[in-house]
Amino acid sequence: MADLLIGRSAQLDMLIKVLACAKLINITGALGIGKTFFAKQMYRSVTYAPKAFISLGTPGLISIEAEGVETYHIEPGMILDVLDMLDELGAGSCESLLVLDGCESALEPCLAMVESALVRFPTMRIVATSQVPLHIPGEICFELPPLSLPPSTVSTLQVYDSEKPQGIHIKLFGGFSLIGADGQIVVNGKPKKALAAIAANGGSIHADKLIEILWPYADPKLARRRIRNVLLRLKQYSGSIVMRHDEEIKLNQTVEVDLIQFMNLARQSITALTNGSWGDHTHDNWNTAISTIQLYSGDLLPEYAYDEWVIDARERTKRLYISLLSLLARKACEEGSPAATGWLETLIAADPYDDSSYILLAELHYNEGRDLAALDTIRRARSVADNLEIPLSAKLLQLEERIRPKHPPRR
């Protein structure tokens, strides 16, 4: 690889490291600087599966390369169909990779695909190449300098997060992780559980409550000695990430927690939607809502699935997520957004027992001429109703009666 990437190997290693803890990276740089070749080498170097490389550089034509699928070409209007292909290959259940090369050549289809992919596949990594930033919430711009610059400049890429300051970030959705400026910080055992409990409690917890979580049956004096040891070990891992004031144990105010960000942003977005203030700053509110949904990358702390201190927070957070998702899906339907189908599918995956979501999705398919997709949605709703031993919604039955004569069952 060194022969193929003369002057770029260190930058490639940096990109792969950033990719491990980022969801959306945009490789930026001037025309002809080598962004496409650099992105292809990254694509071939990583082991994400499934993965796809989409070339947008040819006007009116998009080239698709994916493992297990022969390279083929599509028109820009069909770009969202690629997500269905990735779904069939298993992108929804594992860490996958999507590379979009030459986004400035087909900016609107590219933005629609990124928006839909981030909502539909929470574990997907997306890498774009473009001459300019995409201005998508959570985007990390990875600037590729010209090779003609002095070595000290060539070996340093300007990597910045367009939305968040650099620092320590605690991730609770989909599993605990502690991420510093140089990548993931490994924390295990009681220090990990302590940090997770503090973060899940809003960033602050009473010492007695933390002791009860870590050592529910221990002698109080022994437990207090243990808590001091845990806090010392945390300091060894990551400096002053945790501070103690009398009986209160708090995260340093510079630490970011995805759960806290989610709760604050979700409430703001729901208020904007339900109070009718959405129209005042539609673009900003929409981006804020999408950023909020992206934060929810899985259930809260699944490794502590049966711990009482997590159960209430997990259920409360999921209800808030479903409420926001439902409002966004309905807003997308009202505005005729091309992402409406993806929002509704995500909502059904999160809450498969709410028949109103199936009704919206089936009607959307029917109104846009996708009769078979509407029938499939009705079939899925019927399966859920049968499992619950309840009748299928009357609206779905009426819709099925309108569609079925045009598509009689095969014999």
Protein backbone atom coordinates (compact mmCIF):
# COMPACT_ATOMS: atom_id res chain seq x y z
CA MET A 1 0.00 0.00 0.00
CA ALA A 2 2.92 2.35 0.62
CA ASP A 3 3.86 2.13 -3.10
CA LEU A 4 0.31 3.02 -4.11
CA LEU A 5 -0.04 5.86 -1.60
CA ILE A 6 3.28 7.67 -1.73
CA GLY A 7 3.01 10.53 0.75
CA ARG A 8 -0.46 9.46 1.85
CA SER A 9 0.02 6.31 3.97
CA ALA A 10 0.07 8.20 7.28
CA GLN A 11 -3.04 10.08 6.23
CA LEU A 12 -4.77 6.82 5.31
CA ASP A 13 -3.95 5.37 8.74
CA MET A 14 -5.39 8.51 10.36
CA LEU A 15 -8.57 8.32 8.30
CA ILE A 16 -9.15 4.67 9.27
CA LYS A 17 -8.70 5.56 12.95
CA VAL A 18 -11.16 8.44 12.70
CA LEU A 19 -13.61 6.17 10.88
CA ALA A 20 -13.66 3.81 13.86
CA CYS A 21 -15.37 6.45 16.04
CA ALA A 22 -17.24 8.64 13.52
CA LYS A 23 -20.40 8.10 11.49
CA LEU A 24 -19.91 10.63 8.70
CA ILE A 25 -16.56 11.73 7.27
CA ASN A 26 -16.17 14.06 4.29
CA ILE A 27 -12.78 13.93 2.52
CA THR A 28 -12.40 17.46 1.19
CA GLY A 29 -9.80 19.08 -1.04
CA ALA A 30 -9.21 20.86 -4.34
CA LEU A 31 -10.15 19.37 -7.72
CA GLY A 32 -7.60 16.78 -8.90
CA ILE A 33 -5.87 16.41 -5.55
CA GLY A 34 -6.50 12.64 -5.40
CA LYS A 35 -9.59 12.31 -3.21
CA THR A 36 -11.10 9.49 -5.28
CA PHE A 37 -7.95 7.36 -5.32
CA PHE A 38 -7.45 8.00 -1.60
CA ALA A 39 -11.06 6.97 -0.84
CA LYS A 40 -10.74 3.79 -2.92
CA GLN A 41 -7.61 2.75 -1.04
CA MET A 42 -9.43 3.31 2.25
CA TYR A 43 -12.41 1.30 0.93
CA ARG A 44 -10.16 -1.64 0.03
CA SER A 45 -8.27 -1.46 3.34
CA VAL A 46 -11.15 -1.77 5.80
CA THR A 47 -13.15 -4.86 6.71
CA TYR A 48 -16.63 -3.38 7.18
CA ALA A 49 -19.32 -5.58 5.63
CA PRO A 50 -21.38 -5.03 3.68
CA LYS A 51 -19.75 -2.07 1.98
CA ALA A 52 -20.45 -0.11 -1.20
CA PHE A 53 -18.53 2.47 -3.26
CA ILE A 54 -20.74 4.87 -5.22
CA SER A 55 -19.15 7.10 -7.90
CA LEU A 56 -21.14 10.28 -8.57
CA GLY A 57 -18.59 12.00 -10.82
CA THR A 58 -20.16 11.23 -14.23
CA PRO A 59 -23.09 13.62 -14.94
CA GLY A 60 -26.39 11.73 -15.20
CA LEU A 61 -24.85 8.37 -14.33
CA ILE A 62 -23.97 6.74 -10.99
CA SER A 63 -21.68 3.73 -10.68
CA ILE A 64 -22.24 1.21 -7.86
CA GLU A 65 -19.54 -1.17 -6.61
CA ALA A 66 -20.42 -3.50 -3.76
CA GLU A 67 -19.05 -6.77 -2.38
CA GLY A 68 -21.15 -9.69 -3.58
CA VAL A 69 -22.79 -7.59 -6.32
CA GLU A 70 -21.51 -6.94 -9.84
CA THR A 71 -20.66 -3.30 -10.60
CA TYR A 72 -23.63 -1.58 -12.26
CA HIS A 73 -24.89 1.90 -13.20
CA ILE A 74 -28.06 3.78 -12.28
CA GLU A 75 -29.63 7.19 -12.85
CA PRO A 76 -29.43 9.80 -10.04
CA GLY A 77 -33.15 9.48 -9.33
CA MET A 78 -32.66 5.83 -8.31
CA ILE A 79 -29.86 6.40 -5.81
CA LEU A 80 -32.03 5.66 -2.76
CA ASP A 81 -32.62 2.15 -4.15
CA VAL A 82 -29.01 1.38 -3.20
CA LEU A 83 -30.07 1.47 0.45
CA ASP A 84 -32.51 -1.37 -0.20
CA MET A 85 -29.66 -3.39 -1.72
CA LEU A 86 -27.45 -2.72 1.33
CA ASP A 87 -30.34 -3.69 3.61
CA GLU A 88 -30.66 -7.02 1.79
CA LEU A 89 -26.91 -7.55 2.27
CA GLY A 90 -27.31 -7.04 6.04
CA ALA A 91 -26.40 -3.37 6.58
CA GLY A 92 -29.11 -2.99 9.21
CA SER A 93 -27.63 -5.58 11.56
CA CYS A 94 -23.87 -4.92 11.47
CA GLU A 95 -21.21 -2.25 10.97
CA SER A 96 -21.33 -1.38 7.28
CA LEU A 97 -19.62 1.18 5.04
CA LEU A 98 -20.96 3.47 2.33
CA VAL A 99 -18.57 5.60 0.26
CA LEU A 100 -20.01 8.45 -1.86
CA ASP A 101 -17.38 9.79 -4.26
CA GLY A 102 -17.79 13.16 -5.98
CA CYS A 103 -20.75 14.49 -3.99
CA GLU A 104 -20.55 17.96 -5.51
CA SER A 105 -21.54 16.41 -8.87
CA ALA A 106 -24.94 15.23 -7.58
CA LEU A 107 -25.40 17.15 -4.35
CA GLU A 108 -29.16 16.79 -3.84
CA PRO A 109 -29.30 12.97 -4.37
CA CYS A 110 -26.17 12.65 -2.22
CA LEU A 111 -27.65 14.64 0.68
CA ALA A 112 -30.92 12.68 0.46
CA MET A 113 -29.05 9.39 0.57
CA VAL A 114 -26.86 10.41 3.52
CA GLU A 115 -29.88 11.64 5.47
CA SER A 116 -31.82 8.44 4.81
CA ALA A 117 -28.83 6.16 5.50
CA LEU A 118 -28.03 7.78 8.84
CA VAL A 119 -31.62 7.27 9.98
CA ARG A 120 -32.10 3.81 8.51
CA PHE A 121 -28.74 2.24 9.46
CA PRO A 122 -27.54 3.48 12.90
CA THR A 123 -24.32 1.40 12.73
CA MET A 124 -23.34 2.43 9.18
CA ARG A 125 -20.16 4.44 8.51
CA ILE A 126 -20.40 6.93 5.65
CA VAL A 127 -17.39 8.44 3.85
CA ALA A 128 -17.92 11.14 1.22
CA THR A 129 -15.51 12.97 -1.07
CA SER A 130 -16.29 16.53 -2.04
CA GLN A 131 -14.59 19.81 -2.82
CA VAL A 132 -16.65 21.50 -0.09
CA PRO A 133 -18.27 20.55 3.25
CA LEU A 134 -21.76 19.01 3.02
CA HIS A 135 -22.99 20.90 6.12
CA ILE A 136 -24.72 17.82 7.54
CA PRO A 137 -24.98 17.64 11.35
CA GLY A 138 -22.25 15.41 12.78
CA GLU A 139 -20.08 15.70 9.64
CA ILE A 140 -16.31 15.47 10.15
CA CYS A 141 -14.35 17.17 7.39
CA PHE A 142 -11.06 15.42 6.60
CA GLU A 143 -9.03 17.88 4.54
CA LEU A 144 -6.58 16.35 2.05
CA PRO A 145 -3.66 18.73 1.37
CA PRO A 146 -1.68 18.76 -1.89
CA LEU A 147 1.37 16.48 -2.06
CA SER A 148 3.51 19.40 -3.16
CA LEU A 149 3.42 20.85 0.35
CA PRO A 150 6.40 20.34 2.70
CA PRO A 151 6.50 16.94 4.51
CA SER A 152 5.46 18.41 7.86
CA THR A 153 2.25 19.71 6.27
CA VAL A 154 1.59 16.60 4.19
CA SER A 155 1.65 14.35 7.25
CA THR A 156 -0.89 16.48 9.13
CA LEU A 157 -4.53 16.42 8.07
CA GLN A 158 -6.91 19.08 9.26
CA VAL A 159 -9.65 17.04 10.85
CA TYR A 160 -12.48 18.89 12.50
CA ASP A 161 -15.99 18.19 13.63
CA SER A 162 -18.45 20.65 12.17
CA GLU A 163 -20.86 20.27 15.07
CA LYS A 164 -18.97 19.40 18.25
CA PRO A 165 -15.85 20.63 20.03
CA GLN A 166 -12.99 18.21 20.52
CA GLY A 167 -12.80 16.53 23.93
CA ILE A 168 -14.01 13.47 25.81
CA HIS A 169 -17.29 11.88 24.77
CA ILE A 170 -19.22 9.15 26.60
CA LYS A 171 -21.47 6.98 24.44
CA LEU A 172 -24.27 5.04 26.16
CA PHE A 173 -26.56 4.19 23.24
CA GLY A 174 -25.83 0.78 21.76
CA GLY A 175 -23.21 0.04 24.41
CA PHE A 176 -20.76 1.99 26.56
CA SER A 177 -17.68 3.58 25.07
CA LEU A 178 -15.36 6.37 26.17
CA ILE A 179 -13.83 8.36 23.33
CA GLY A 180 -11.00 10.87 23.71
CA ALA A 181 -9.28 13.18 21.26
CA ASP A 182 -6.95 10.33 20.19
CA GLY A 183 -9.61 7.62 19.89
CA GLN A 184 -11.33 5.12 22.16
CA ILE A 185 -10.21 4.79 25.79
CA VAL A 186 -10.58 1.25 27.14
CA VAL A 187 -12.36 1.12 30.51
CA ASN A 188 -13.57 -2.13 32.07
CA GLY A 189 -15.01 -3.56 35.28
CA LYS A 190 -16.23 -1.31 38.10
CA PRO A 191 -14.71 1.93 36.66
CA LYS A 192 -16.70 1.36 33.46
CA LYS A 193 -19.93 0.67 35.37
CA ALA A 194 -19.38 3.69 37.61
CA LEU A 195 -18.82 6.00 34.66
CA ALA A 196 -21.88 4.57 32.88
CA ALA A 197 -24.03 5.08 36.00
CA ILE A 198 -22.90 8.69 36.47
CA ALA A 199 -23.50 9.50 32.81
CA ALA A 200 -26.89 7.75 32.74
CA ASN A 201 -27.96 9.70 35.84
CA GLY A 202 -27.54 13.01 34.05
CA GLY A 203 -23.84 13.48 34.77
CA SER A 204 -24.11 13.58 38.58
CA ILE A 205 -24.87 10.97 41.24
CA HIS A 206 -24.83 10.73 45.05
CA ALA A 207 -22.06 8.52 46.43
CA ASP A 208 -24.54 6.30 48.30
CA LYS A 209 -26.52 5.64 45.13
CA LEU A 210 -23.36 4.79 43.19
CA ILE A 211 -22.24 2.42 45.97
CA GLU A 212 -25.63 0.70 45.84
CA ILE A 213 -25.21 0.19 42.08
CA LEU A 214 -21.65 -1.12 42.30
CA TRP A 215 -21.73 -3.11 45.56
CA PRO A 216 -25.36 -3.52 46.71
CA TYR A 217 -24.54 -5.89 49.59
CA ALA A 218 -21.12 -4.60 50.70
CA ASP A 219 -20.24 -3.20 54.12
CA PRO A 220 -20.72 0.62 53.91
CA LYS A 221 -17.21 1.44 55.18
CA LEU A 222 -15.60 -1.04 52.80
CA ALA A 223 -17.71 0.26 49.93
CA ARG A 224 -16.57 3.84 50.55
CA ARG A 225 -12.93 2.76 50.35
CA ARG A 226 -13.74 0.95 47.13
CA ILE A 227 -15.41 4.01 45.63
CA ARG A 228 -12.24 6.03 46.24
CA ASN A 229 -10.22 3.36 44.45
CA VAL A 230 -12.61 3.39 41.49
CA LEU A 231 -12.35 7.18 41.18
CA LEU A 232 -8.55 6.95 41.28
CA ARG A 233 -8.57 4.33 38.54
CA LEU A 234 -10.81 6.54 36.42
CA LYS A 235 -8.34 9.39 36.86
CA GLN A 236 -5.57 7.10 35.61
CA TYR A 237 -7.64 6.23 32.54
CA SER A 238 -8.66 9.70 31.47
CA GLY A 239 -7.50 12.45 33.81
CA SER A 240 -10.06 14.60 35.60
CA ILE A 241 -13.11 13.17 33.86
CA VAL A 242 -14.88 12.73 37.21
CA MET A 243 -14.89 15.13 40.16
CA ARG A 244 -16.17 14.67 43.71
CA HIS A 245 -17.79 17.42 45.77
CA ASP A 246 -18.65 16.11 49.23
CA GLU A 247 -21.15 13.29 48.58
CA GLU A 248 -21.84 14.24 44.96
CA ILE A 249 -19.82 12.63 42.16
CA LYS A 250 -19.97 14.54 38.87
CA LEU A 251 -18.60 14.40 35.36
CA ASN A 252 -16.30 17.21 34.35
CA GLN A 253 -18.44 19.83 32.60
CA THR A 254 -16.35 19.48 29.42
CA VAL A 255 -17.39 15.82 29.01
CA GLU A 256 -20.10 15.19 26.41
CA VAL A 257 -22.65 12.41 26.95
CA ASP A 258 -24.83 11.23 24.06
CA LEU A 259 -27.76 10.50 26.40
CA ILE A 260 -27.77 14.01 27.88
CA GLN A 261 -27.47 15.55 24.42
CA PHE A 262 -30.30 13.35 23.17
CA MET A 263 -32.67 14.21 26.03
CA ASN A 264 -32.11 17.96 25.68
CA LEU A 265 -32.35 18.04 21.88
CA ALA A 266 -35.34 15.67 21.76
CA ARG A 267 -37.37 17.87 24.10
CA GLN A 268 -36.48 20.97 22.07
CA SER A 269 -37.46 19.29 18.81
CA ILE A 270 -40.74 17.90 20.15
CA THR A 271 -41.64 21.32 21.54
CA ALA A 272 -40.93 22.93 18.15
CA LEU A 273 -43.10 20.34 16.38
CA THR A 274 -46.05 20.28 18.75
CA ASN A 275 -46.22 24.03 19.47
CA GLY A 276 -46.30 25.04 15.82
CA SER A 277 -42.97 26.92 15.97
CA TRP A 278 -41.43 24.57 13.42
CA GLY A 279 -42.06 26.89 10.51
CA ASP A 280 -40.05 29.78 11.98
CA HIS A 281 -36.70 28.06 11.43
CA THR A 282 -37.66 24.96 9.47
CA HIS A 283 -34.19 24.05 8.15
CA ASP A 284 -32.45 24.44 11.52
CA ASN A 285 -35.19 22.58 13.38
CA TRP A 286 -35.16 19.74 10.86
CA ASN A 287 -31.38 19.37 11.15
CA THR A 288 -31.59 19.44 14.94
CA ALA A 289 -34.23 16.70 14.91
CA ILE A 290 -32.18 14.53 12.55
CA SER A 291 -29.07 14.99 14.73
CA THR A 292 -31.12 13.91 17.73
CA ILE A 293 -32.36 10.74 16.04
CA GLN A 294 -28.80 9.90 14.96
CA LEU A 295 -27.66 10.02 18.59
CA TYR A 296 -29.97 7.09 19.37
CA SER A 297 -27.81 4.33 17.89
CA GLY A 298 -29.31 1.49 19.92
CA ASP A 299 -30.83 0.68 23.30
CA LEU A 300 -29.27 2.33 26.32
CA LEU A 301 -26.42 0.29 27.85
CA PRO A 302 -27.47 -3.18 26.66
CA GLU A 303 -24.59 -4.74 28.61
CA TYR A 304 -26.51 -3.82 31.80
CA ALA A 305 -29.87 -4.95 30.38
CA TYR A 306 -31.25 -6.30 33.67
CA ASP A 307 -29.83 -3.74 36.12
CA GLU A 308 -32.63 -1.75 37.76
CA TRP A 309 -30.73 1.54 37.54
CA VAL A 310 -30.77 1.26 33.72
CA ILE A 311 -34.25 -0.15 33.06
CA ASP A 312 -36.24 3.02 33.83
CA ALA A 313 -33.85 5.28 31.95
CA ARG A 314 -33.85 2.92 28.95
CA GLU A 315 -37.65 2.80 28.74
CA ARG A 316 -38.02 6.56 29.24
CA THR A 317 -35.42 7.28 26.57
CA LYS A 318 -36.96 4.88 24.06
CA ARG A 319 -40.41 6.45 24.55
CA LEU A 320 -38.93 9.86 23.83
CA TYR A 321 -37.13 8.51 20.77
CA ILE A 322 -40.33 6.96 19.41
CA SER A 323 -42.29 10.16 20.07
CA LEU A 324 -39.79 12.28 18.15
CA LEU A 325 -39.51 9.71 15.38
CA SER A 326 -43.29 9.61 15.04
CA LEU A 327 -43.54 13.40 14.79
CA LEU A 328 -40.74 13.55 12.21
CA ALA A 329 -42.25 10.76 10.12
CA ARG A 330 -45.61 12.50 10.03
CA LYS A 331 -43.96 15.84 9.22
CA ALA A 332 -42.04 14.21 6.36
CA CYS A 333 -45.30 12.72 5.01
CA GLU A 334 -47.05 16.09 5.20
CA GLU A 335 -44.25 17.82 3.29
CA GLY A 336 -43.87 15.06 0.69
CA SER A 337 -40.24 14.44 1.65
CA PRO A 338 -38.49 11.59 -0.23
CA ALA A 339 -37.16 10.46 3.14
CA ALA A 340 -40.68 9.81 4.51
CA THR A 341 -40.56 6.09 3.68
CA GLY A 342 -37.27 5.67 5.53
CA TRP A 343 -38.58 7.53 8.59
CA LEU A 344 -41.70 5.36 8.72
CA GLU A 345 -39.73 2.13 8.34
CA THR A 346 -37.44 3.25 11.17
CA LEU A 347 -40.48 4.07 13.30
CA ILE A 348 -42.00 0.63 12.65
CA ALA A 349 -38.70 -1.06 13.54
CA ALA A 350 -38.63 0.88 16.83
CA ASP A 351 -42.31 0.32 17.66
CA PRO A 352 -43.73 -2.57 15.60
CA TYR A 353 -47.02 -2.72 17.55
CA ASP A 354 -48.41 0.71 16.59
CA ASP A 355 -50.76 0.18 13.65
CA SER A 356 -50.92 3.92 12.86
CA SER A 357 -47.39 3.72 11.43
CA TYR A 358 -48.38 0.86 9.11
CA ILE A 359 -51.41 2.89 7.99
CA LEU A 360 -49.27 5.91 7.13
CA LEU A 361 -46.69 3.81 5.28
CA ALA A 362 -49.28 1.79 3.32
CA GLU A 363 -51.13 4.96 2.32
CA LEU A 364 -47.86 6.61 1.30
CA HIS A 365 -46.97 3.66 -0.94
CA TYR A 366 -50.48 3.59 -2.42
CA ASN A 367 -50.60 7.35 -3.13
CA GLU A 368 -47.23 7.17 -4.88
CA GLY A 369 -48.27 4.24 -7.06
CA ARG A 370 -46.43 1.47 -5.20
CA ASP A 371 -49.35 -0.93 -4.79
CA LEU A 372 -47.25 -4.03 -4.08
CA ALA A 373 -45.26 -2.21 -1.40
CA ALA A 374 -48.57 -1.10 0.16
CA LEU A 375 -49.83 -4.70 0.17
CA ASP A 376 -46.58 -5.87 1.75
CA THR A 377 -46.99 -3.26 4.51
CA ILE A 378 -50.54 -4.48 5.13
CA ARG A 379 -49.26 -8.07 5.26
CA ARG A 380 -46.69 -7.10 7.92
CA ALA A 381 -49.36 -5.28 9.95
CA ARG A 382 -51.65 -8.33 9.72
CA SER A 383 -48.86 -10.59 11.01
CA VAL A 384 -48.40 -8.35 14.07
CA ALA A 385 -52.18 -8.22 14.67
CA ASP A 386 -52.44 -12.01 14.42
CA ASN A 387 -49.64 -12.43 16.94
CA LEU A 388 -51.43 -10.08 19.32
CA GLU A 389 -54.77 -11.79 18.57
CA ILE A 390 -56.44 -8.51 17.64
CA PRO A 391 -58.26 -7.50 14.43
CA LEU A 392 -56.44 -5.67 11.66
CA SER A 393 -57.11 -1.93 11.43
CA ALA A 394 -60.25 -1.06 9.44
CA LYS A 395 -58.29 1.52 7.43
CA LEU A 396 -55.80 -1.11 6.30
CA LEU A 397 -58.63 -3.49 5.38
CA GLN A 398 -60.30 -0.76 3.30
CA LEU A 399 -57.02 0.08 1.57
CA GLU A 400 -56.43 -3.60 0.83
CA GLU A 401 -59.89 -3.86 -0.75
CA ARG A 402 -59.04 -0.97 -3.10
CA ILE A 403 -55.70 -2.45 -4.16
CA ARG A 404 -56.37 -6.19 -4.28
CA PRO A 405 -58.55 -6.24 -7.46
CA LYS A 406 -55.64 -4.77 -9.43
CA HIS A 407 -53.22 -7.38 -8.06
CA PRO A 408 -54.99 -10.69 -7.52
CA PRO A 409 -53.04 -13.36 -5.60
CA ARG A 410 -50.99 -15.73 -7.73
CA ARG A 411 -52.25 -19.30 -7.96
